[in-house]
C-alpha atoms as a PDB file:
ATOM      1  CA  MET A   1      94.323  88.787 120.011  1.00  0.00           C
ATOM      2  CA  ASP A   2      91.424  89.902 122.152  1.00  0.00           C
ATOM      3  CA  THR A   3      88.568  91.946 120.450  1.00  0.00           C
ATOM      4  CA  ILE A   4      88.645  95.660 121.408  1.00  0.00           C
ATOM      5  CA  ASN A   5      85.594  97.933 121.085  1.00  0.00           C
ATOM      6  CA  THR A   6      86.881 100.318 118.254  1.00  0.00           C
ATOM      7  CA  ARG A   7      85.285 103.838 118.504  1.00  0.00           C
ATOM      8  CA  LEU A   8      84.838 105.820 115.255  1.00  0.00           C
ATOM      9  CA  VAL A   9      84.778 109.424 115.805  1.00  0.00           C
ATOM     10  CA  ARG A  10      84.438 112.320 113.209  1.00  0.00           C
ATOM     11  CA  ILE A  11      86.119 115.534 113.009  1.00  0.00           C
ATOM     12  CA  THR A  12      83.411 118.024 112.153  1.00  0.00           C
ATOM     13  CA  GLY A  13      84.950 121.473 112.389  1.00  0.00           C
ATOM     14  CA  ASP A  14      83.398 122.299 115.715  1.00  0.00           C
ATOM     15  CA  GLY A  15      86.388 123.428 117.746  1.00  0.00           C
ATOM     16  CA  GLU A  16      85.248 122.439 121.029  1.00  0.00           C
ATOM     17  CA  LYS A  17      84.089 118.958 119.997  1.00  0.00           C
ATOM     18  CA  ASP A  18      87.127 118.327 117.946  1.00  0.00           C
ATOM     19  CA  GLY A  19      89.472 119.398 120.722  1.00  0.00           C
ATOM     20  CA  ALA A  20      87.641 116.863 123.089  1.00  0.00           C
ATOM     21  CA  ILE A  21      88.119 114.116 120.510  1.00  0.00           C
ATOM     22  CA  LEU A  22      91.841 114.908 120.078  1.00  0.00           C
ATOM     23  CA  SER A  23      92.357 115.033 123.918  1.00  0.00           C
ATOM     24  CA  GLU A  24      90.837 111.736 124.346  1.00  0.00           C
ATOM     25  CA  ALA A  25      92.814 110.189 121.370  1.00  0.00           C
ATOM     26  CA  ALA A  26      96.023 111.758 122.844  1.00  0.00           C
ATOM     27  CA  GLU A  27      95.366 110.087 126.214  1.00  0.00           C
ATOM     28  CA  ILE A  28      94.851 106.631 124.459  1.00  0.00           C
ATOM     29  CA  LEU A  29      98.253 107.045 122.839  1.00  0.00           C
ATOM     30  CA  ARG A  30     100.031 108.144 126.234  1.00  0.00           C
ATOM     31  CA  ARG A  31      98.728 105.143 127.903  1.00  0.00           C
ATOM     32  CA  GLY A  32      99.911 102.694 125.221  1.00  0.00           C
ATOM     33  CA  GLY A  33      96.765 102.395 122.951  1.00  0.00           C
ATOM     34  CA  LEU A  34      96.226 102.506 119.284  1.00  0.00           C
ATOM     35  CA  VAL A  35      94.589 105.407 117.408  1.00  0.00           C
ATOM     36  CA  ALA A  36      94.119 105.528 113.522  1.00  0.00           C
ATOM     37  CA  PHE A  37      94.234 109.120 112.149  1.00  0.00           C
ATOM     38  CA  PRO A  38      94.199 110.888 108.864  1.00  0.00           C
ATOM     39  CA  THR A  39      97.317 112.127 107.092  1.00  0.00           C
ATOM     40  CA  GLU A  40      97.652 113.875 103.734  1.00  0.00           C
ATOM     41  CA  THR A  41      99.037 110.591 102.383  1.00  0.00           C
ATOM     42  CA  VAL A  42      97.082 107.754 103.861  1.00  0.00           C
ATOM     43  CA  TYR A  43      95.417 106.905 107.370  1.00  0.00           C
ATOM     44  CA  GLY A  44      98.092 105.921 109.889  1.00  0.00           C
ATOM     45  CA  LEU A  45      97.950 103.556 112.906  1.00  0.00           C
ATOM     46  CA  GLY A  46      99.504 105.572 115.754  1.00  0.00           C
ATOM     47  CA  ALA A  47     101.222 104.415 118.896  1.00  0.00           C
ATOM     48  CA  SER A  48     103.423 106.302 121.315  1.00  0.00           C
ATOM     49  CA  ALA A  49     107.083 105.877 120.040  1.00  0.00           C
ATOM     50  CA  TYR A  50     108.134 105.919 123.778  1.00  0.00           C
ATOM     51  CA  PHE A  51     105.532 103.743 125.403  1.00  0.00           C
ATOM     52  CA  PRO A  52     107.112 100.239 126.145  1.00  0.00           C
ATOM     53  CA  GLY A  53     105.249  97.598 124.107  1.00  0.00           C
ATOM     54  CA  ALA A  54     103.069  99.989 122.089  1.00  0.00           C
ATOM     55  CA  ALA A  55     104.907  99.093 118.747  1.00  0.00           C
ATOM     56  CA  LYS A  56     104.264  95.503 119.479  1.00  0.00           C
ATOM     57  CA  LYS A  57     100.659  96.217 119.569  1.00  0.00           C
ATOM     58  CA  VAL A  58     100.881  97.878 116.157  1.00  0.00           C
ATOM     59  CA  TYR A  59     102.577  94.857 114.641  1.00  0.00           C
ATOM     60  CA  GLU A  60      99.987  92.431 116.116  1.00  0.00           C
ATOM     61  CA  ALA A  61      97.005  94.577 115.191  1.00  0.00           C
ATOM     62  CA  LYS A  62      98.114  94.840 111.495  1.00  0.00           C
ATOM     63  CA  GLY A  63      99.621  91.290 111.341  1.00  0.00           C
ATOM     64  CA  ARG A  64     102.886  93.073 110.317  1.00  0.00           C
ATOM     65  CA  PRO A  65     106.269  91.526 110.302  1.00  0.00           C
ATOM     66  CA  SER A  66     108.343  93.044 113.273  1.00  0.00           C
ATOM     67  CA  ASP A  67     111.294  93.617 111.077  1.00  0.00           C
ATOM     68  CA  ASN A  68     109.364  96.168 108.911  1.00  0.00           C
ATOM     69  CA  PRO A  69     110.357  99.467 110.435  1.00  0.00           C
ATOM     70  CA  LEU A  70     107.720 102.074 111.457  1.00  0.00           C
ATOM     71  CA  ILE A  71     107.682 105.737 110.753  1.00  0.00           C
ATOM     72  CA  VAL A  72     107.822 108.231 113.643  1.00  0.00           C
ATOM     73  CA  HIS A  73     105.708 111.222 113.255  1.00  0.00           C
ATOM     74  CA  VAL A  74     106.219 114.623 114.796  1.00  0.00           C
ATOM     75  CA  SER A  75     104.313 117.837 114.872  1.00  0.00           C
ATOM     76  CA  ARG A  76     107.222 120.012 114.143  1.00  0.00           C
ATOM     77  CA  PRO A  77     110.468 119.011 112.374  1.00  0.00           C
ATOM     78  CA  GLY A  78     112.707 120.146 115.346  1.00  0.00           C
ATOM     79  CA  GLU A  79     110.928 117.537 117.645  1.00  0.00           C
ATOM     80  CA  ALA A  80     113.181 114.868 115.854  1.00  0.00           C
ATOM     81  CA  GLU A  81     116.033 116.270 117.980  1.00  0.00           C
ATOM     82  CA  ASP A  82     114.599 114.405 120.932  1.00  0.00           C
ATOM     83  CA  PHE A  83     115.004 110.802 119.388  1.00  0.00           C
ATOM     84  CA  ALA A  84     117.276 111.211 116.236  1.00  0.00           C
ATOM     85  CA  VAL A  85     120.490 112.573 115.258  1.00  0.00           C
ATOM     86  CA  THR A  86     119.747 115.439 112.924  1.00  0.00           C
ATOM     87  CA  CYS A  87     122.013 117.386 110.565  1.00  0.00           C
ATOM     88  CA  PRO A  88     121.887 120.481 108.278  1.00  0.00           C
ATOM     89  CA  LEU A  89     120.617 118.632 105.292  1.00  0.00           C
ATOM     90  CA  TYR A  90     117.672 117.321 107.388  1.00  0.00           C
ATOM     91  CA  TYR A  91     116.647 120.873 108.185  1.00  0.00           C
ATOM     92  CA  LYS A  92     117.257 122.078 104.595  1.00  0.00           C
ATOM     93  CA  LEU A  93     114.817 119.286 103.456  1.00  0.00           C
ATOM     94  CA  ALA A  94     112.429 120.100 106.328  1.00  0.00           C
ATOM     95  CA  GLU A  95     112.437 123.901 105.256  1.00  0.00           C
ATOM     96  CA  ARG A  96     111.340 122.835 101.734  1.00  0.00           C
ATOM     97  CA  PHE A  97     109.163 119.883 102.337  1.00  0.00           C
ATOM     98  CA  MET A  98     107.839 119.771 105.876  1.00  0.00           C
ATOM     99  CA  PRO A  99     105.099 119.674 106.964  1.00  0.00           C
ATOM    100  CA  GLY A 100     104.538 117.241 103.987  1.00  0.00           C
ATOM    101  CA  PRO A 101     104.827 113.911 102.444  1.00  0.00           C
ATOM    102  CA  LEU A 102     108.481 113.305 103.004  1.00  0.00           C
ATOM    103  CA  THR A 103     110.183 110.867 105.470  1.00  0.00           C
ATOM    104  CA  VAL A 104     113.873 111.167 106.202  1.00  0.00           C
ATOM    105  CA  ILE A 105     115.798 108.269 107.833  1.00  0.00           C
ATOM    106  CA  LEU A 106     118.410 109.466 110.575  1.00  0.00           C
ATOM    107  CA  PRO A 107     120.577 107.746 113.106  1.00  0.00           C
ATOM    108  CA  LYS A 108     118.450 107.008 116.180  1.00  0.00           C
ATOM    109  CA  LYS A 109     119.021 107.838 119.822  1.00  0.00           C
ATOM    110  CA  ASP A 110     118.459 105.204 122.466  1.00  0.00           C
ATOM    111  CA  VAL A 111     115.176 106.606 123.686  1.00  0.00           C
ATOM    112  CA  ILE A 112     113.611 104.920 120.617  1.00  0.00           C
ATOM    113  CA  ASP A 113     112.895 101.207 121.276  1.00  0.00           C
ATOM    114  CA  PRO A 114     114.434  98.879 118.682  1.00  0.00           C
ATOM    115  CA  SER A 115     110.912  97.459 118.030  1.00  0.00           C
ATOM    116  CA  VAL A 116     109.870 100.774 116.511  1.00  0.00           C
ATOM    117  CA  THR A 117     112.733 100.707 114.003  1.00  0.00           C
ATOM    118  CA  GLY A 118     112.686  97.023 113.145  1.00  0.00           C
ATOM    119  CA  GLY A 119     115.928  96.515 114.940  1.00  0.00           C
ATOM    120  CA  LEU A 120     117.797  98.947 112.829  1.00  0.00           C
ATOM    121  CA  ASP A 121     119.999 101.782 114.325  1.00  0.00           C
ATOM    122  CA  THR A 122     118.170 104.459 112.306  1.00  0.00           C
ATOM    123  CA  VAL A 123     114.695 105.882 112.533  1.00  0.00           C
ATOM    124  CA  ALA A 124     112.343 107.338 109.962  1.00  0.00           C
ATOM    125  CA  VAL A 125     111.161 110.729 110.690  1.00  0.00           C
ATOM    126  CA  ARG A 126     108.023 112.554 109.230  1.00  0.00           C
ATOM    127  CA  CYS A 127     106.027 115.699 109.876  1.00  0.00           C
ATOM    128  CA  PRO A 128     102.688 115.397 108.099  1.00  0.00           C
ATOM    129  CA  SER A 129     100.904 118.460 106.771  1.00  0.00           C
ATOM    130  CA  ASN A 130      97.415 117.159 107.681  1.00  0.00           C
ATOM    131  CA  GLY A 131      96.295 119.460 110.606  1.00  0.00           C
ATOM    132  CA  ILE A 132      94.403 116.836 112.396  1.00  0.00           C
ATOM    133  CA  ALA A 133      97.549 114.601 112.485  1.00  0.00           C
ATOM    134  CA  ARG A 134      99.779 117.469 113.779  1.00  0.00           C
ATOM    135  CA  ALA A 135      97.202 118.454 116.390  1.00  0.00           C
ATOM    136  CA  LEU A 136      96.960 114.864 117.724  1.00  0.00           C
ATOM    137  CA  ILE A 137     100.683 114.410 117.905  1.00  0.00           C
ATOM    138  CA  ALA A 138     100.993 117.785 119.800  1.00  0.00           C
ATOM    139  CA  ALA A 139      98.283 116.876 122.166  1.00  0.00           C
ATOM    140  CA  ALA A 140      99.835 113.519 122.832  1.00  0.00           C
ATOM    141  CA  GLY A 141     103.170 115.217 123.779  1.00  0.00           C
ATOM    142  CA  CYS A 142     105.313 112.494 122.326  1.00  0.00           C
ATOM    143  CA  PRO A 143     106.381 111.344 118.814  1.00  0.00           C
ATOM    144  CA  VAL A 144     103.971 108.950 117.277  1.00  0.00           C
ATOM    145  CA  ALA A 145     105.081 105.692 115.433  1.00  0.00           C
ATOM    146  CA  ALA A 146     102.572 105.036 112.740  1.00  0.00           C
ATOM    147  CA  PRO A 147     102.476 102.742 109.776  1.00  0.00           C
ATOM    148  CA  SER A 148      99.440 102.645 107.348  1.00  0.00           C
ATOM    149  CA  ALA A 149      96.254 101.731 109.338  1.00  0.00           C
ATOM    150  CA  ASN A 150      95.416  98.539 107.342  1.00  0.00           C
ATOM    151  CA  ARG A 151      96.026  94.817 107.656  1.00  0.00           C
ATOM    152  CA  SER A 152      99.549  94.150 106.608  1.00  0.00           C
ATOM    153  CA  GLY A 153      99.765  93.596 102.812  1.00  0.00           C
ATOM    154  CA  SER A 154      96.236  94.814 101.844  1.00  0.00           C
ATOM    155  CA  PRO A 155      95.638  98.174 100.068  1.00  0.00           C
ATOM    156  CA  SER A 156      96.518 101.213 102.326  1.00  0.00           C
ATOM    157  CA  PRO A 157      93.527 103.145 103.616  1.00  0.00           C
ATOM    158  CA  THR A 158      92.566 106.510 102.273  1.00  0.00           C
ATOM    159  CA  LYS A 159      89.231 106.685 104.124  1.00  0.00           C
ATOM    160  CA  ALA A 160      88.154 105.903 107.530  1.00  0.00           C
ATOM    161  CA  SER A 161      85.807 103.327 106.343  1.00  0.00           C
ATOM    162  CA  HIS A 162      88.808 101.464 105.025  1.00  0.00           C
ATOM    163  CA  VAL A 163      90.424 101.445 108.385  1.00  0.00           C
ATOM    164  CA  MET A 164      87.260 100.149 110.083  1.00  0.00           C
ATOM    165  CA  ASP A 165      87.066  97.282 107.321  1.00  0.00           C
ATOM    166  CA  ASP A 166      90.465  96.220 108.266  1.00  0.00           C
ATOM    167  CA  LEU A 167      90.982  96.976 112.064  1.00  0.00           C
ATOM    168  CA  SER A 168      87.712  97.243 113.786  1.00  0.00           C
ATOM    169  CA  GLY A 169      87.952  95.215 116.916  1.00  0.00           C
ATOM    170  CA  ARG A 170      91.751  95.325 116.895  1.00  0.00           C
ATOM    171  CA  ILE A 171      92.451  99.086 117.835  1.00  0.00           C
ATOM    172  CA  ASP A 172      91.066 101.699 120.173  1.00  0.00           C
ATOM    173  CA  MET A 173      89.864 104.507 117.973  1.00  0.00           C
ATOM    174  CA  VAL A 174      89.642 105.614 114.602  1.00  0.00           C
ATOM    175  CA  ILE A 175      89.450 109.396 113.825  1.00  0.00           C
ATOM    176  CA  ASP A 176      87.533 110.244 110.659  1.00  0.00           C
ATOM    177  CA  GLY A 177      88.998 113.395 109.009  1.00  0.00           C
ATOM    178  CA  GLY A 178      87.782 112.717 105.555  1.00  0.00           C
ATOM    179  CA  GLU A 179      89.527 111.274 102.518  1.00  0.00           C
ATOM    180  CA  CYS A 180      93.287 111.673 102.147  1.00  0.00           C
ATOM    181  CA  ALA A 181      94.434 114.458  99.819  1.00  0.00           C
ATOM    182  CA  ILE A 182      97.399 112.443  98.138  1.00  0.00           C
ATOM    183  CA  GLY A 183      96.535 108.840  98.442  1.00  0.00           C
ATOM    184  CA  VAL A 184      99.871 107.011  98.474  1.00  0.00           C
ATOM    185  CA  GLU A 185     102.410 106.860 101.273  1.00  0.00           C
ATOM    186  CA  SER A 186     105.280 109.426 101.782  1.00  0.00           C
ATOM    187  CA  THR A 187     108.602 109.578  99.902  1.00  0.00           C
ATOM    188  CA  VAL A 188     111.256 107.807 102.143  1.00  0.00           C
ATOM    189  CA  ILE A 189     114.776 108.929 101.745  1.00  0.00           C
ATOM    190  CA  ALA A 190     118.219 108.132 103.301  1.00  0.00           C
ATOM    191  CA  LEU A 191     120.668 110.950 103.328  1.00  0.00           C
ATOM    192  CA  ASP A 192     124.151 110.311 101.656  1.00  0.00           C
ATOM    193  CA  PRO A 193     127.478 111.479 102.908  1.00  0.00           C
ATOM    194  CA  ASP A 194     128.094 113.572  99.806  1.00  0.00           C
ATOM    195  CA  GLY A 195     124.998 115.725 100.358  1.00  0.00           C
ATOM    196  CA  GLY A 196     122.686 113.675  98.126  1.00  0.00           C
ATOM    197  CA  CYS A 197     119.944 111.341  98.988  1.00  0.00           C
ATOM    198  CA  THR A 198     118.628 107.884  98.103  1.00  0.00           C
ATOM    199  CA  ILE A 199     114.978 107.334  97.498  1.00  0.00           C
ATOM    200  CA  LEU A 200     113.878 104.096  99.356  1.00  0.00           C
ATOM    201  CA  ARG A 201     110.171 104.522  98.806  1.00  0.00           C
ATOM    202  CA  PRO A 202     108.873 106.988  96.063  1.00  0.00           C
ATOM    203  CA  GLY A 203     105.952 109.151  96.761  1.00  0.00           C
ATOM    204  CA  ALA A 204     104.523 112.655  96.021  1.00  0.00           C
ATOM    205  CA  VAL A 205     108.039 114.247  96.663  1.00  0.00           C
ATOM    206  CA  THR A 206     109.804 113.193  93.532  1.00  0.00           C
ATOM    207  CA  ALA A 207     113.413 112.743  92.632  1.00  0.00           C
ATOM    208  CA  GLU A 208     113.178 115.920  90.487  1.00  0.00           C
ATOM    209  CA  MET A 209     112.046 117.854  93.562  1.00  0.00           C
ATOM    210  CA  LEU A 210     114.800 116.565  95.771  1.00  0.00           C
ATOM    211  CA  ASP A 211     117.384 117.280  93.098  1.00  0.00           C
ATOM    212  CA  GLY A 212     116.700 121.040  93.753  1.00  0.00           C
ATOM    213  CA  VAL A 213     117.507 120.608  97.436  1.00  0.00           C
ATOM    214  CA  THR A 214     120.166 117.943  97.635  1.00  0.00           C
ATOM    215  CA  ARG A 215     123.120 117.118  95.409  1.00  0.00           C
ATOM    216  CA  GLY A 216     121.047 114.461  93.654  1.00  0.00           C
ATOM    217  CA  ALA A 217     118.444 111.866  94.289  1.00  0.00           C
ATOM    218  CA  SER A 218     119.306 108.357  93.336  1.00  0.00           C
ATOM    219  CA  VAL A 219     116.860 105.455  93.049  1.00  0.00           C
ATOM    220  CA  PRO A 220     118.150 101.921  93.964  1.00  0.00           C
ATOM    221  CA  GLU A 221     117.141  98.754  92.049  1.00  0.00           C
ATOM    222  CA  GLY A 222     115.033  97.593  94.983  1.00  0.00           C
ATOM    223  CA  VAL A 223     112.428 100.338  94.451  1.00  0.00           C
ATOM    224  CA  THR A 224     111.273  98.748  91.100  1.00  0.00           C
ATOM    225  CA  ASP A 225     112.446  95.226  91.774  1.00  0.00           C
ATOM    226  CA  PRO A 226     111.582  93.600  95.102  1.00  0.00           C
ATOM    227  CA  ALA A 227     114.140  90.792  94.630  1.00  0.00           C
ATOM    228  CA  LYS A 228     116.965  93.468  94.903  1.00  0.00           C
ATOM    229  CA  VAL A 229     115.904  94.737  98.429  1.00  0.00           C
ATOM    230  CA  GLY A 230     117.964  92.351 100.591  1.00  0.00           C
ATOM    231  CA  ASP A 231     117.050  90.853 103.974  1.00  0.00           C
ATOM    232  CA  LYS A 232     117.131  94.063 106.045  1.00  0.00           C
ATOM    233  CA  PRO A 233     114.782  96.721 104.613  1.00  0.00           C
ATOM    234  CA  ARG A 234     115.831 100.265 105.403  1.00  0.00           C
ATOM    235  CA  SER A 235     112.312 101.651 104.788  1.00  0.00           C
ATOM    236  CA  PRO A 236     108.733 100.518 105.159  1.00  0.00           C
ATOM    237  CA  GLY A 237     107.289  98.879 102.172  1.00  0.00           C
ATOM    238  CA  MET A 238     110.446  97.577 100.758  1.00  0.00           C
ATOM    239  CA  LYS A 239     110.641  93.864 101.609  1.00  0.00           C
ATOM    240  CA  TYR A 240     107.269  92.333 101.624  1.00  0.00           C
ATOM    241  CA  LYS A 241     104.341  92.128  99.268  1.00  0.00           C
ATOM    242  CA  HIS A 242     102.077  95.207 100.043  1.00  0.00           C
ATOM    243  CA  TYR A 243      99.116  97.139  98.902  1.00  0.00           C
ATOM    244  CA  SER A 244      97.479  94.051  97.331  1.00  0.00           C
ATOM    245  CA  PRO A 245      93.763  93.304  97.158  1.00  0.00           C
ATOM    246  CA  ALA A 246      92.480  89.781  96.934  1.00  0.00           C
ATOM    247  CA  ALA A 247      92.131  90.179  93.213  1.00  0.00           C
ATOM    248  CA  GLU A 248      95.299  89.391  90.984  1.00  0.00           C
ATOM    249  CA  VAL A 249      96.877  92.646  89.973  1.00  0.00           C
ATOM    250  CA  ILE A 250      98.398  92.861  86.572  1.00  0.00           C
ATOM    251  CA  PRO A 251     100.236  95.993  85.855  1.00  0.00           C
ATOM    252  CA  ALA A 252     101.666  96.816  82.575  1.00  0.00           C
ATOM    253  CA  THR A 253     103.799  99.534  80.745  1.00  0.00           C
ATOM    254  CA  GLY A 254     103.792 100.317  77.105  1.00  0.00           C
ATOM    255  CA  ASP A 255     101.471 100.969  74.178  1.00  0.00           C
ATOM    256  CA  LEU A 256      97.851 101.601  75.022  1.00  0.00           C
ATOM    257  CA  ASP A 257      96.445  99.574  72.057  1.00  0.00           C
ATOM    258  CA  LYS A 258      98.481  96.570  72.981  1.00  0.00           C
ATOM    259  CA  PHE A 259      97.347  96.980  76.657  1.00  0.00           C
ATOM    260  CA  ILE A 260      93.680  97.026  75.551  1.00  0.00           C
ATOM    261  CA  SER A 261      94.267  94.004  73.347  1.00  0.00           C
ATOM    262  CA  MET A 262      95.751  92.139  76.263  1.00  0.00           C
ATOM    263  CA  VAL A 263      92.776  92.947  78.676  1.00  0.00           C
ATOM    264  CA  GLU A 264      90.335  91.993  75.989  1.00  0.00           C
ATOM    265  CA  SER A 265      91.871  88.614  74.990  1.00  0.00           C
ATOM    266  CA  ASP A 266      91.904  87.534  78.709  1.00  0.00           C
ATOM    267  CA  PRO A 267      89.019  84.909  79.054  1.00  0.00           C
ATOM    268  CA  GLU A 268      88.604  85.554  82.787  1.00  0.00           C
ATOM    269  CA  GLU A 269      84.937  86.736  83.244  1.00  0.00           C
ATOM    270  CA  LYS A 270      85.515  88.532  86.606  1.00  0.00           C
ATOM    271  CA  LYS A 271      88.330  90.834  85.312  1.00  0.00           C
ATOM    272  CA  GLY A 272      88.395  94.577  85.427  1.00  0.00           C
ATOM    273  CA  VAL A 273      90.652  97.434  84.575  1.00  0.00           C
ATOM    274  CA  ILE A 274      91.702 100.723  86.174  1.00  0.00           C
ATOM    275  CA  ALA A 275      91.731 103.457  83.597  1.00  0.00           C
ATOM    276  CA  ALA A 276      90.867 107.006  82.873  1.00  0.00           C
ATOM    277  CA  GLU A 277      87.347 107.996  82.076  1.00  0.00           C
ATOM    278  CA  THR A 278      88.533 109.051  78.512  1.00  0.00           C
ATOM    279  CA  VAL A 279      89.259 105.397  77.507  1.00  0.00           C
ATOM    280  CA  ARG A 280      86.709 103.555  79.454  1.00  0.00           C
ATOM    281  CA  ASP A 281      84.553 102.922  76.343  1.00  0.00           C
ATOM    282  CA  ARG A 282      87.485 100.830  74.769  1.00  0.00           C
ATOM    283  CA  PHE A 283      87.033  97.965  77.247  1.00  0.00           C
ATOM    284  CA  SER A 284      84.175  95.379  77.386  1.00  0.00           C
ATOM    285  CA  CYS A 285      84.907  94.359  81.039  1.00  0.00           C
ATOM    286  CA  THR A 286      84.323  96.254  84.352  1.00  0.00           C
ATOM    287  CA  VAL A 287      86.169  99.654  84.281  1.00  0.00           C
ATOM    288  CA  LEU A 288      87.072 101.227  87.535  1.00  0.00           C
ATOM    289  CA  THR A 289      87.801 104.893  86.569  1.00  0.00           C
ATOM    290  CA  ALA A 290      90.763 106.670  88.042  1.00  0.00           C
ATOM    291  CA  GLY A 291      89.207 110.049  87.080  1.00  0.00           C
ATOM    292  CA  GLU A 292      88.931 112.240  84.060  1.00  0.00           C
ATOM    293  CA  ARG A 293      92.673 112.530  83.353  1.00  0.00           C
ATOM    294  CA  ASP A 294      95.303 110.076  82.718  1.00  0.00           C
ATOM    295  CA  ASP A 295      97.972 111.515  85.126  1.00  0.00           C
ATOM    296  CA  ASP A 296     100.043 110.637  88.099  1.00  0.00           C
ATOM    297  CA  LEU A 297      98.117 112.803  90.663  1.00  0.00           C
ATOM    298  CA  THR A 298      94.764 111.313  89.788  1.00  0.00           C
ATOM    299  CA  TYR A 299      96.012 107.726  89.888  1.00  0.00           C
ATOM    300  CA  CYS A 300      97.727 108.287  93.225  1.00  0.00           C
ATOM    301  CA  HIS A 301      94.620 109.623  94.737  1.00  0.00           C
ATOM    302  CA  SER A 302      92.287 106.795  93.425  1.00  0.00           C
ATOM    303  CA  LEU A 303      94.674 103.658  93.494  1.00  0.00           C
ATOM    304  CA  TYR A 304      93.970 102.103  96.729  1.00  0.00           C
ATOM    305  CA  ASP A 305      90.308 102.858  96.897  1.00  0.00           C
ATOM    306  CA  LEU A 306      89.924 101.306  93.416  1.00  0.00           C
ATOM    307  CA  LEU A 307      91.854  98.294  94.504  1.00  0.00           C
ATOM    308  CA  ARG A 308      89.587  97.847  97.323  1.00  0.00           C
ATOM    309  CA  GLU A 309      86.512  98.407  95.053  1.00  0.00           C
ATOM    310  CA  ALA A 310      87.829  95.433  92.740  1.00  0.00           C
ATOM    311  CA  ASP A 311      87.469  93.154  95.858  1.00  0.00           C
ATOM    312  CA  ARG A 312      83.924  94.565  96.677  1.00  0.00           C
ATOM    313  CA  LEU A 313      82.920  93.757  93.089  1.00  0.00           C
ATOM    314  CA  GLY A 314      84.328  90.170  93.482  1.00  0.00           C
ATOM    315  CA  LEU A 315      86.834  90.738  90.629  1.00  0.00           C
ATOM    316  CA  ARG A 316      89.547  88.063  90.253  1.00  0.00           C
ATOM    317  CA  ARG A 317      91.884  89.914  88.069  1.00  0.00           C
ATOM    318  CA  VAL A 318      92.650  93.714  87.678  1.00  0.00           C
ATOM    319  CA  TYR A 319      94.770  95.308  84.975  1.00  0.00           C
ATOM    320  CA  ILE A 320      96.302  98.697  85.124  1.00  0.00           C
ATOM    321  CA  ARG A 321      98.647 100.486  82.664  1.00  0.00           C
ATOM    322  CA  LEU A 322     101.330 103.029  83.472  1.00  0.00           C
ATOM    323  CA  PRO A 323     102.944 104.750  80.593  1.00  0.00           C
ATOM    324  CA  HIS A 324     106.371 105.543  82.196  1.00  0.00           C
ATOM    325  CA  ARG A 325     108.152 105.828  85.582  1.00  0.00           C
ATOM    326  CA  ASP A 326     108.884 109.495  85.722  1.00  0.00           C
ATOM    327  CA  GLY A 327     107.655 111.863  88.464  1.00  0.00           C
ATOM    328  CA  GLY A 328     104.752 110.568  90.496  1.00  0.00           C
ATOM    329  CA  TYR A 329     104.422 107.616  88.241  1.00  0.00           C
ATOM    330  CA  LEU A 330     107.378 106.019  89.878  1.00  0.00           C
ATOM    331  CA  ALA A 331     105.495 105.837  93.267  1.00  0.00           C
ATOM    332  CA  LEU A 332     102.625 104.114  91.289  1.00  0.00           C
ATOM    333  CA  TYR A 333     105.028 101.682  89.654  1.00  0.00           C
ATOM    334  CA  ASN A 334     106.432 100.926  93.023  1.00  0.00           C
ATOM    335  CA  ARG A 335     103.135 100.212  94.754  1.00  0.00           C
ATOM    336  CA  LEU A 336     101.882  98.231  91.802  1.00  0.00           C
ATOM    337  CA  ILE A 337     105.105  96.013  91.393  1.00  0.00           C
ATOM    338  CA  ARG A 338     104.596  95.105  95.103  1.00  0.00           C
ATOM    339  CA  ALA A 339     100.835  94.681  94.857  1.00  0.00           C
ATOM    340  CA  SER A 340     101.372  92.235  91.909  1.00  0.00           C
ATOM    341  CA  GLY A 341     104.061  90.227  93.712  1.00  0.00           C
ATOM    342  CA  GLY A 342     107.043  91.632  91.653  1.00  0.00           C
ATOM    343  CA  LYS A 343     105.236  91.244  88.187  1.00  0.00           C
ATOM    344  CA  MET A 344     105.225  94.009  85.576  1.00  0.00           C
ATOM    345  CA  THR A 345     104.202  93.297  82.075  1.00  0.00           C
ATOM    346  CA  LYS A 346     106.120  95.371  79.361  1.00  0.00           C
ATOM    347  CA  LEU A 347     104.222  95.693  76.202  1.00  0.00           C
END
């Protein structure tokens, strides 16, 4: 593809200047260009969901397979009416979780091009809680199709610098709105006929949270085993290897002492481990600290930045231990099982 002069612009809190930036970015989207912008989860690579050929540019810029559907972002949940067939359960979920890190799959209307949905007859809808994202969508006056703003397969971007590393020269603009608050992509669900839902991609909205609004949230085998996904992924991030640095990722579950022994016995000199600050002294190799605490929120916020740091340090192998798959740890398990190419060591 031809090289593009990618502009990096920063949101500063100056209302007049920020308004001008968002107006310019909105115009880029309306004419079919690509703009990366912050959300509370990760940075998104936005294109008009209505402009002919815009989705194709997204796939080209990312090197993304065209059967991997895009999520369509709105500034208000009710805007989904324009391109999707909504239902009472959608609005019940929207009342509880939107704006926020939840994506709901709905039947699509013909106004959405099949290239946006990976050829599926459904469309994934999300209303982000990040104010910059919603202001941009509102200014554009159209729904915005946006996967993560990175090269396909690499760790998702949680900072504008990550986007520039991956996509400079391939997109029109990057809006720097600071570091993303959550750090992993939204939860994606499909609605079930009985009033329940199926989690296709776990995130910050957990099964336990969804149980309180729906008649139950189920997790299919494909969430934790890529071999069980099938040929037609219903959600982004299901089918292909994702979130992976150049370094080999080795995730593990189980006993901490056994995990430390496994890492220490590896003869690879350029190895590292992602771990909490409280246990860093137990390793003799490079330790990338996920924070003071060993909890799901800390790991979610830090994961992609640390995977990118592993590459910056030239590590060849990176170990990470997860104690279980409950709550937000399910999202981490899902990302790491795909970053490792489907491998998880059980200690």
